[in-house]
Amino acid sequence: MVITMQFAWVASAGSEDLPVALSQPLVIRWQYDSEQTVSLTPATDRERVFLPLAGGAIVSLNSRDGRLQWRSDTGGEISASPVADDKRVYVASEYGDAASPSRIGSANSSLS
């Protein structure tokens, strides 16, 4: 995604990026403060933001207000950005394990 003055250009499944109009002025609605952030891209299912943290933890934040919904340990350092759909979040660790709702117990009830 690229953000310009009034539009965010979002990659689409087709061949063209789609412009999305942004409200002005741009304001920060919420932020999540942590000393464990890593340089991996969070995932979202529009209702939640799944933020990978150092040490193999992942947190689920409410996308409207940033409230913590759950936190879980994947069992190893997270080695790639998480991927989410409307039912599951997938996280890969350095140990080759894949974390999904069956692996992250607290995620199962949050994503149902």
Foldseek 3Di string as FASTA:
>chain_A
DDDDCFWDFDDDPDDGTDTDGDDPPDDDQEDDDDPFADPAAWEDQQQWTWGFGAPQKIWIAGPRRRDTPDMFHQPAGFDHYWYDHQAWIWTAHPVGDIDICVRGVVVNVVRD
